[in-house]
Amino acid sequence: MNEIDKQQTIDILNEIMELELAGVVRYTHYSLMVYGYNRIPIVSWLKDNASEGLAHAHKAGEMVTMLGGHPSLKIGSLLETQKHNIGDILRESLEHEKNTTDAYQRLLQIVEGKSVAMEEYAREMIYLEELHLDEVNKMLRVPGEMKPFNL
């Protein structure tokens, strides 16, 4: 096996950590802005996503330190759109999750065939992110609609 480029890997892992932490803030904010009849299950789902994002950020940080790097203290981009209906929140979530999935895909590309641990980590996270993307996509569909939602 060839060796991985440690600095490039650390840089992408730190980007992932920043994206996941931005998701924590984003989902926490969204959970505070939900109103209406379906508030309770949606708030619960958003809080669960915030907790999951924190766990993912921690895992990325652990991978950074495994490589001898320094975990980032930054948080990814946070844009307040002032749009708080459930559809807007879900569309913003879908976009954020796509960006995070793309970062994990880039990680996989640079570690594939070079580090079993990093490759398995990247694949596991892509799998989880793709399931999450599918879940959000299904939530955005009109009831009874089979065709996937497209941004």
N, C-alpha and C. Protein backbone atom coordinates (compact mmCIF):
# COMPACT_ATOMS: atom_id res chain seq x y z
N MET A 1 0.83 -1.20 0.00
CA MET A 1 0.00 0.00 0.00
C MET A 1 0.86 1.25 0.00
N ASN A 2 0.46 2.22 -0.78
CA ASN A 2 1.12 3.52 -0.74
C ASN A 2 0.71 4.25 0.53
N GLU A 3 1.57 5.17 0.95
CA GLU A 3 1.24 5.97 2.13
C GLU A 3 0.29 7.10 1.75
N ILE A 4 -0.56 7.43 2.71
CA ILE A 4 -1.46 8.56 2.47
C ILE A 4 -0.70 9.87 2.62
N ASP A 5 -1.20 10.90 1.99
CA ASP A 5 -0.68 12.25 2.19
C ASP A 5 -1.31 12.75 3.49
N LYS A 6 -0.54 12.70 4.57
CA LYS A 6 -1.08 13.01 5.89
C LYS A 6 -1.65 14.42 5.97
N GLN A 7 -0.94 15.40 5.43
CA GLN A 7 -1.43 16.77 5.56
C GLN A 7 -2.72 16.99 4.77
N GLN A 8 -2.79 16.44 3.59
CA GLN A 8 -4.02 16.57 2.80
C GLN A 8 -5.18 15.87 3.50
N THR A 9 -4.91 14.71 4.09
CA THR A 9 -5.94 13.97 4.81
C THR A 9 -6.39 14.75 6.04
N ILE A 10 -5.45 15.29 6.79
CA ILE A 10 -5.78 16.10 7.97
C ILE A 10 -6.60 17.32 7.56
N ASP A 11 -6.23 17.96 6.46
CA ASP A 11 -6.98 19.14 6.00
C ASP A 11 -8.43 18.79 5.69
N ILE A 12 -8.65 17.68 5.01
CA ILE A 12 -10.03 17.28 4.68
C ILE A 12 -10.77 16.86 5.95
N LEU A 13 -10.11 16.15 6.84
CA LEU A 13 -10.75 15.77 8.10
C LEU A 13 -11.14 17.00 8.91
N ASN A 14 -10.29 18.01 8.92
CA ASN A 14 -10.64 19.24 9.63
C ASN A 14 -11.81 19.95 8.96
N GLU A 15 -11.85 19.92 7.64
CA GLU A 15 -13.00 20.49 6.93
C GLU A 15 -14.27 19.74 7.29
N ILE A 16 -14.18 18.42 7.36
CA ILE A 16 -15.33 17.60 7.75
C ILE A 16 -15.76 17.97 9.17
N MET A 17 -14.80 18.10 10.05
CA MET A 17 -15.11 18.46 11.43
C MET A 17 -15.84 19.81 11.48
N GLU A 18 -15.36 20.77 10.71
CA GLU A 18 -15.98 22.09 10.67
C GLU A 18 -17.40 22.02 10.10
N LEU A 19 -17.59 21.23 9.05
CA LEU A 19 -18.93 21.05 8.47
C LEU A 19 -19.88 20.39 9.46
N GLU A 20 -19.40 19.36 10.14
CA GLU A 20 -20.25 18.67 11.10
C GLU A 20 -20.61 19.59 12.28
N LEU A 21 -19.67 20.40 12.74
CA LEU A 21 -19.97 21.34 13.82
C LEU A 21 -20.95 22.42 13.36
N ALA A 22 -20.83 22.84 12.11
CA ALA A 22 -21.80 23.78 11.56
C ALA A 22 -23.19 23.14 11.54
N GLY A 23 -23.24 21.86 11.25
CA GLY A 23 -24.51 21.14 11.28
C GLY A 23 -25.11 21.12 12.68
N VAL A 24 -24.26 20.97 13.70
CA VAL A 24 -24.74 20.99 15.08
C VAL A 24 -25.43 22.33 15.37
N VAL A 25 -24.77 23.41 15.00
CA VAL A 25 -25.33 24.75 15.22
C VAL A 25 -26.59 24.93 14.40
N ARG A 26 -26.53 24.56 13.15
CA ARG A 26 -27.65 24.70 12.23
C ARG A 26 -28.89 23.94 12.74
N TYR A 27 -28.72 22.65 13.07
CA TYR A 27 -29.85 21.85 13.52
C TYR A 27 -30.38 22.32 14.87
N THR A 28 -29.50 22.79 15.73
CA THR A 28 -29.95 23.34 17.02
C THR A 28 -30.80 24.58 16.78
N HIS A 29 -30.33 25.46 15.91
CA HIS A 29 -31.09 26.67 15.57
C HIS A 29 -32.45 26.31 14.96
N TYR A 30 -32.42 25.40 14.00
CA TYR A 30 -33.67 24.99 13.37
C TYR A 30 -34.66 24.45 14.40
N SER A 31 -34.15 23.67 15.36
CA SER A 31 -35.05 23.07 16.36
C SER A 31 -35.76 24.13 17.19
N LEU A 32 -35.16 25.29 17.31
CA LEU A 32 -35.77 26.38 18.06
C LEU A 32 -36.78 27.16 17.24
N MET A 33 -36.74 27.00 15.93
CA MET A 33 -37.56 27.82 15.04
C MET A 33 -38.76 27.09 14.46
N VAL A 34 -39.03 25.88 14.93
CA VAL A 34 -40.15 25.11 14.39
C VAL A 34 -41.41 25.41 15.20
N TYR A 35 -42.47 25.72 14.48
CA TYR A 35 -43.77 25.99 15.10
C TYR A 35 -44.83 25.17 14.39
N GLY A 36 -45.96 24.99 15.01
CA GLY A 36 -47.07 24.32 14.37
C GLY A 36 -47.36 22.96 14.96
N TYR A 37 -48.35 22.30 14.35
CA TYR A 37 -48.87 21.03 14.85
C TYR A 37 -47.83 19.92 14.94
N ASN A 38 -46.90 19.90 14.01
CA ASN A 38 -45.92 18.81 13.98
C ASN A 38 -44.62 19.17 14.68
N ARG A 39 -44.63 20.18 15.51
CA ARG A 39 -43.42 20.69 16.16
C ARG A 39 -42.66 19.59 16.91
N ILE A 40 -43.33 18.83 17.75
CA ILE A 40 -42.65 17.90 18.64
C ILE A 40 -41.82 16.85 17.89
N PRO A 41 -42.38 16.12 16.93
CA PRO A 41 -41.53 15.14 16.25
C PRO A 41 -40.43 15.78 15.40
N ILE A 42 -40.69 16.92 14.82
CA ILE A 42 -39.68 17.57 13.99
C ILE A 42 -38.54 18.11 14.85
N VAL A 43 -38.88 18.73 15.98
CA VAL A 43 -37.84 19.22 16.89
C VAL A 43 -36.99 18.06 17.39
N SER A 44 -37.63 16.97 17.72
CA SER A 44 -36.89 15.79 18.18
C SER A 44 -35.93 15.30 17.11
N TRP A 45 -36.39 15.24 15.86
CA TRP A 45 -35.56 14.80 14.75
C TRP A 45 -34.38 15.75 14.55
N LEU A 46 -34.63 17.05 14.64
CA LEU A 46 -33.55 18.04 14.47
C LEU A 46 -32.53 17.94 15.60
N LYS A 47 -33.00 17.75 16.83
CA LYS A 47 -32.07 17.59 17.95
C LYS A 47 -31.22 16.33 17.79
N ASP A 48 -31.84 15.26 17.30
CA ASP A 48 -31.09 14.02 17.04
C ASP A 48 -30.00 14.25 16.00
N ASN A 49 -30.32 15.05 14.96
CA ASN A 49 -29.33 15.36 13.94
C ASN A 49 -28.19 16.18 14.51
N ALA A 50 -28.50 17.11 15.42
CA ALA A 50 -27.45 17.90 16.07
C ALA A 50 -26.53 16.99 16.88
N SER A 51 -27.10 16.06 17.62
CA SER A 51 -26.29 15.12 18.41
C SER A 51 -25.43 14.24 17.52
N GLU A 52 -26.02 13.77 16.42
CA GLU A 52 -25.27 12.94 15.48
C GLU A 52 -24.12 13.74 14.86
N GLY A 53 -24.37 14.99 14.52
CA GLY A 53 -23.32 15.84 13.95
C GLY A 53 -22.17 16.03 14.91
N LEU A 54 -22.49 16.18 16.20
CA LEU A 54 -21.43 16.32 17.21
C LEU A 54 -20.60 15.04 17.29
N ALA A 55 -21.26 13.90 17.25
CA ALA A 55 -20.54 12.62 17.27
C ALA A 55 -19.66 12.48 16.03
N HIS A 56 -20.17 12.89 14.88
CA HIS A 56 -19.37 12.82 13.65
C HIS A 56 -18.18 13.77 13.70
N ALA A 57 -18.38 14.97 14.25
CA ALA A 57 -17.28 15.92 14.39
C ALA A 57 -16.20 15.35 15.31
N HIS A 58 -16.63 14.73 16.39
CA HIS A 58 -15.68 14.14 17.33
C HIS A 58 -14.90 13.02 16.66
N LYS A 59 -15.57 12.22 15.88
CA LYS A 59 -14.91 11.11 15.18
C LYS A 59 -13.87 11.65 14.20
N ALA A 60 -14.22 12.71 13.46
CA ALA A 60 -13.26 13.31 12.53
C ALA A 60 -12.06 13.86 13.29
N GLY A 61 -12.31 14.48 14.43
CA GLY A 61 -11.21 14.99 15.26
C GLY A 61 -10.30 13.88 15.75
N GLU A 62 -10.90 12.75 16.11
CA GLU A 62 -10.09 11.60 16.54
C GLU A 62 -9.20 11.11 15.39
N MET A 63 -9.73 11.14 14.19
CA MET A 63 -8.93 10.71 13.04
C MET A 63 -7.78 11.69 12.79
N VAL A 64 -8.04 12.97 12.98
CA VAL A 64 -6.99 13.99 12.84
C VAL A 64 -5.86 13.70 13.82
N THR A 65 -6.21 13.47 15.09
CA THR A 65 -5.16 13.22 16.09
C THR A 65 -4.47 11.89 15.86
N MET A 66 -5.18 10.91 15.29
CA MET A 66 -4.56 9.64 14.96
C MET A 66 -3.41 9.85 13.98
N LEU A 67 -3.58 10.83 13.10
CA LEU A 67 -2.55 11.14 12.10
C LEU A 67 -1.50 12.11 12.62
N GLY A 68 -1.64 12.52 13.88
CA GLY A 68 -0.68 13.46 14.46
C GLY A 68 -1.00 14.91 14.17
N GLY A 69 -2.24 15.17 13.73
CA GLY A 69 -2.64 16.54 13.41
C GLY A 69 -3.32 17.23 14.57
N HIS A 70 -3.70 18.47 14.34
CA HIS A 70 -4.35 19.32 15.33
C HIS A 70 -5.78 19.60 14.86
N PRO A 71 -6.79 19.15 15.62
CA PRO A 71 -8.18 19.38 15.20
C PRO A 71 -8.51 20.87 15.14
N SER A 72 -9.28 21.21 14.14
CA SER A 72 -9.68 22.60 13.92
C SER A 72 -10.61 23.09 15.02
N LEU A 73 -10.51 24.37 15.32
CA LEU A 73 -11.44 25.03 16.24
C LEU A 73 -12.46 25.85 15.48
N LYS A 74 -12.43 25.77 14.17
CA LYS A 74 -13.35 26.54 13.35
C LYS A 74 -14.68 25.82 13.20
N ILE A 75 -15.67 26.58 12.77
CA ILE A 75 -16.98 26.02 12.43
C ILE A 75 -17.25 26.41 10.99
N GLY A 76 -17.81 25.47 10.23
CA GLY A 76 -18.12 25.73 8.83
C GLY A 76 -19.09 26.88 8.65
N SER A 77 -19.34 27.22 7.43
CA SER A 77 -20.19 28.35 7.07
C SER A 77 -21.58 28.24 7.68
N LEU A 78 -22.02 29.33 8.27
CA LEU A 78 -23.36 29.42 8.84
C LEU A 78 -24.05 30.63 8.22
N LEU A 79 -25.06 30.37 7.44
CA LEU A 79 -25.79 31.44 6.77
C LEU A 79 -27.21 31.48 7.33
N GLU A 80 -27.58 32.61 7.89
CA GLU A 80 -28.94 32.77 8.40
C GLU A 80 -29.80 33.30 7.27
N THR A 81 -30.69 32.46 6.79
CA THR A 81 -31.52 32.83 5.65
C THR A 81 -32.82 33.51 6.07
N GLN A 82 -33.12 33.45 7.35
CA GLN A 82 -34.39 33.98 7.88
C GLN A 82 -35.60 33.23 7.33
N LYS A 83 -35.38 32.05 6.77
CA LYS A 83 -36.47 31.22 6.28
C LYS A 83 -36.63 30.07 7.27
N HIS A 84 -37.81 29.96 7.86
CA HIS A 84 -37.96 28.98 8.92
C HIS A 84 -39.17 28.06 8.76
N ASN A 85 -39.75 28.02 7.56
CA ASN A 85 -40.80 27.01 7.42
C ASN A 85 -40.11 25.66 7.20
N ILE A 86 -40.81 24.60 7.46
CA ILE A 86 -40.20 23.26 7.44
C ILE A 86 -39.58 22.95 6.08
N GLY A 87 -40.23 23.31 5.00
CA GLY A 87 -39.68 23.06 3.67
C GLY A 87 -38.34 23.75 3.47
N ASP A 88 -38.25 25.02 3.88
CA ASP A 88 -36.98 25.76 3.76
C ASP A 88 -35.89 25.12 4.62
N ILE A 89 -36.25 24.76 5.84
CA ILE A 89 -35.29 24.11 6.74
C ILE A 89 -34.78 22.81 6.12
N LEU A 90 -35.68 22.02 5.57
CA LEU A 90 -35.27 20.74 4.97
C LEU A 90 -34.43 20.95 3.72
N ARG A 91 -34.77 21.94 2.89
CA ARG A 91 -33.96 22.21 1.70
C ARG A 91 -32.56 22.68 2.09
N GLU A 92 -32.47 23.53 3.11
CA GLU A 92 -31.15 23.96 3.59
C GLU A 92 -30.38 22.78 4.18
N SER A 93 -31.08 21.91 4.89
CA SER A 93 -30.45 20.71 5.45
C SER A 93 -29.92 19.81 4.35
N LEU A 94 -30.71 19.65 3.30
CA LEU A 94 -30.31 18.80 2.18
C LEU A 94 -29.02 19.34 1.54
N GLU A 95 -28.97 20.63 1.35
CA GLU A 95 -27.78 21.24 0.76
C GLU A 95 -26.56 21.06 1.67
N HIS A 96 -26.75 21.28 2.96
CA HIS A 96 -25.66 21.11 3.92
C HIS A 96 -25.17 19.66 3.93
N GLU A 97 -26.08 18.72 3.92
CA GLU A 97 -25.72 17.31 3.95
C GLU A 97 -25.01 16.89 2.66
N LYS A 98 -25.41 17.45 1.54
CA LYS A 98 -24.70 17.17 0.28
C LYS A 98 -23.26 17.65 0.36
N ASN A 99 -23.05 18.86 0.90
CA ASN A 99 -21.69 19.39 1.04
C ASN A 99 -20.84 18.51 1.95
N THR A 100 -21.44 18.03 3.02
CA THR A 100 -20.72 17.16 3.95
C THR A 100 -20.39 15.82 3.29
N THR A 101 -21.34 15.27 2.57
CA THR A 101 -21.11 14.01 1.85
C THR A 101 -19.99 14.17 0.83
N ASP A 102 -19.97 15.30 0.13
CA ASP A 102 -18.91 15.57 -0.84
C ASP A 102 -17.54 15.57 -0.17
N ALA A 103 -17.45 16.13 1.03
CA ALA A 103 -16.17 16.16 1.75
C ALA A 103 -15.73 14.74 2.10
N TYR A 104 -16.66 13.91 2.55
CA TYR A 104 -16.32 12.52 2.84
C TYR A 104 -15.90 11.78 1.56
N GLN A 105 -16.54 12.09 0.45
CA GLN A 105 -16.16 11.48 -0.84
C GLN A 105 -14.73 11.87 -1.22
N ARG A 106 -14.38 13.13 -1.00
CA ARG A 106 -13.01 13.58 -1.30
C ARG A 106 -12.01 12.86 -0.41
N LEU A 107 -12.38 12.66 0.86
CA LEU A 107 -11.51 11.93 1.77
C LEU A 107 -11.29 10.51 1.25
N LEU A 108 -12.36 9.86 0.85
CA LEU A 108 -12.24 8.49 0.33
C LEU A 108 -11.31 8.44 -0.87
N GLN A 109 -11.43 9.41 -1.76
CA GLN A 109 -10.59 9.42 -2.96
C GLN A 109 -9.11 9.47 -2.63
N ILE A 110 -8.73 10.23 -1.60
CA ILE A 110 -7.29 10.37 -1.32
C ILE A 110 -6.73 9.26 -0.43
N VAL A 111 -7.61 8.51 0.27
CA VAL A 111 -7.09 7.45 1.15
C VAL A 111 -7.33 6.05 0.59
N GLU A 112 -8.13 5.95 -0.45
CA GLU A 112 -8.50 4.64 -1.00
C GLU A 112 -7.25 3.87 -1.43
N GLY A 113 -7.14 2.65 -0.93
CA GLY A 113 -6.00 1.80 -1.26
C GLY A 113 -4.73 2.16 -0.52
N LYS A 114 -4.81 3.13 0.40
CA LYS A 114 -3.63 3.58 1.13
C LYS A 114 -3.73 3.38 2.63
N SER A 115 -4.95 3.39 3.15
CA SER A 115 -5.15 3.20 4.59
C SER A 115 -6.50 2.53 4.80
N VAL A 116 -6.47 1.31 5.30
CA VAL A 116 -7.71 0.58 5.52
C VAL A 116 -8.58 1.31 6.54
N ALA A 117 -7.97 1.79 7.62
CA ALA A 117 -8.73 2.47 8.67
C ALA A 117 -9.42 3.73 8.12
N MET A 118 -8.68 4.54 7.39
CA MET A 118 -9.26 5.77 6.84
C MET A 118 -10.30 5.47 5.77
N GLU A 119 -10.01 4.47 4.97
CA GLU A 119 -10.94 4.09 3.91
C GLU A 119 -12.26 3.60 4.51
N GLU A 120 -12.17 2.73 5.51
CA GLU A 120 -13.38 2.22 6.16
C GLU A 120 -14.15 3.34 6.85
N TYR A 121 -13.43 4.23 7.51
CA TYR A 121 -14.08 5.39 8.15
C TYR A 121 -14.83 6.21 7.11
N ALA A 122 -14.17 6.55 6.01
CA ALA A 122 -14.80 7.37 4.97
C ALA A 122 -16.03 6.66 4.40
N ARG A 123 -15.91 5.38 4.13
CA ARG A 123 -17.04 4.63 3.57
C ARG A 123 -18.22 4.58 4.55
N GLU A 124 -17.92 4.33 5.81
CA GLU A 124 -18.99 4.29 6.82
C GLU A 124 -19.72 5.63 6.90
N MET A 125 -18.96 6.72 6.87
CA MET A 125 -19.57 8.04 6.98
C MET A 125 -20.36 8.40 5.72
N ILE A 126 -19.85 8.02 4.57
CA ILE A 126 -20.60 8.25 3.32
C ILE A 126 -21.91 7.47 3.37
N TYR A 127 -21.85 6.25 3.82
CA TYR A 127 -23.05 5.43 3.95
C TYR A 127 -24.09 6.12 4.85
N LEU A 128 -23.65 6.58 6.02
CA LEU A 128 -24.57 7.25 6.95
C LEU A 128 -25.11 8.55 6.37
N GLU A 129 -24.25 9.31 5.70
CA GLU A 129 -24.69 10.58 5.11
C GLU A 129 -25.67 10.34 3.97
N GLU A 130 -25.43 9.30 3.17
CA GLU A 130 -26.35 9.00 2.08
C GLU A 130 -27.72 8.57 2.61
N LEU A 131 -27.74 7.82 3.70
CA LEU A 131 -29.02 7.46 4.31
C LEU A 131 -29.74 8.70 4.82
N HIS A 132 -28.98 9.62 5.40
CA HIS A 132 -29.57 10.86 5.90
C HIS A 132 -30.10 11.71 4.74
N LEU A 133 -29.34 11.79 3.66
CA LEU A 133 -29.81 12.53 2.48
C LEU A 133 -31.12 11.94 1.97
N ASP A 134 -31.21 10.62 1.94
CA ASP A 134 -32.43 9.97 1.47
C ASP A 134 -33.60 10.29 2.39
N GLU A 135 -33.33 10.30 3.69
CA GLU A 135 -34.40 10.60 4.65
C GLU A 135 -34.93 12.02 4.44
N VAL A 136 -34.03 12.98 4.30
CA VAL A 136 -34.45 14.37 4.07
C VAL A 136 -35.18 14.48 2.74
N ASN A 137 -34.66 13.80 1.72
CA ASN A 137 -35.30 13.83 0.42
C ASN A 137 -36.74 13.32 0.51
N LYS A 138 -36.93 12.24 1.22
CA LYS A 138 -38.29 11.70 1.37
C LYS A 138 -39.20 12.65 2.14
N MET A 139 -38.64 13.36 3.10
CA MET A 139 -39.44 14.33 3.85
C MET A 139 -39.87 15.50 2.97
N LEU A 140 -39.09 15.81 1.94
CA LEU A 140 -39.42 16.91 1.04
C LEU A 140 -40.42 16.54 -0.05
N ARG A 141 -40.69 15.28 -0.21
CA ARG A 141 -41.63 14.85 -1.25
C ARG A 141 -43.06 15.15 -0.86
N VAL A 142 -43.84 15.40 -1.86
CA VAL A 142 -45.28 15.54 -1.66
C VAL A 142 -45.81 14.16 -1.29
N PRO A 143 -46.66 14.07 -0.27
CA PRO A 143 -47.19 12.75 0.11
C PRO A 143 -47.76 12.01 -1.11
N GLY A 144 -47.34 10.77 -1.25
CA GLY A 144 -47.76 9.94 -2.36
C GLY A 144 -46.85 10.03 -3.57
N GLU A 145 -45.94 10.99 -3.58
CA GLU A 145 -45.02 11.18 -4.71
C GLU A 145 -43.86 10.20 -4.58
N MET A 146 -43.58 9.46 -5.62
CA MET A 146 -42.48 8.49 -5.62
C MET A 146 -41.17 9.07 -6.12
N LYS A 147 -41.27 10.07 -6.98
CA LYS A 147 -40.09 10.67 -7.59
C LYS A 147 -39.27 11.44 -6.55
N PRO A 148 -37.93 11.23 -6.50
CA PRO A 148 -37.10 11.95 -5.54
C PRO A 148 -37.17 13.46 -5.72
N PHE A 149 -37.03 14.16 -4.61
CA PHE A 149 -37.00 15.62 -4.62
C PHE A 149 -35.65 16.06 -5.17
N ASN A 150 -35.64 17.07 -6.00
CA ASN A 150 -34.39 17.63 -6.54
C ASN A 150 -34.29 19.09 -6.14
N LEU A 151 -33.12 19.46 -5.67
CA LEU A 151 -32.86 20.87 -5.31
C LEU A 151 -32.76 21.71 -6.55
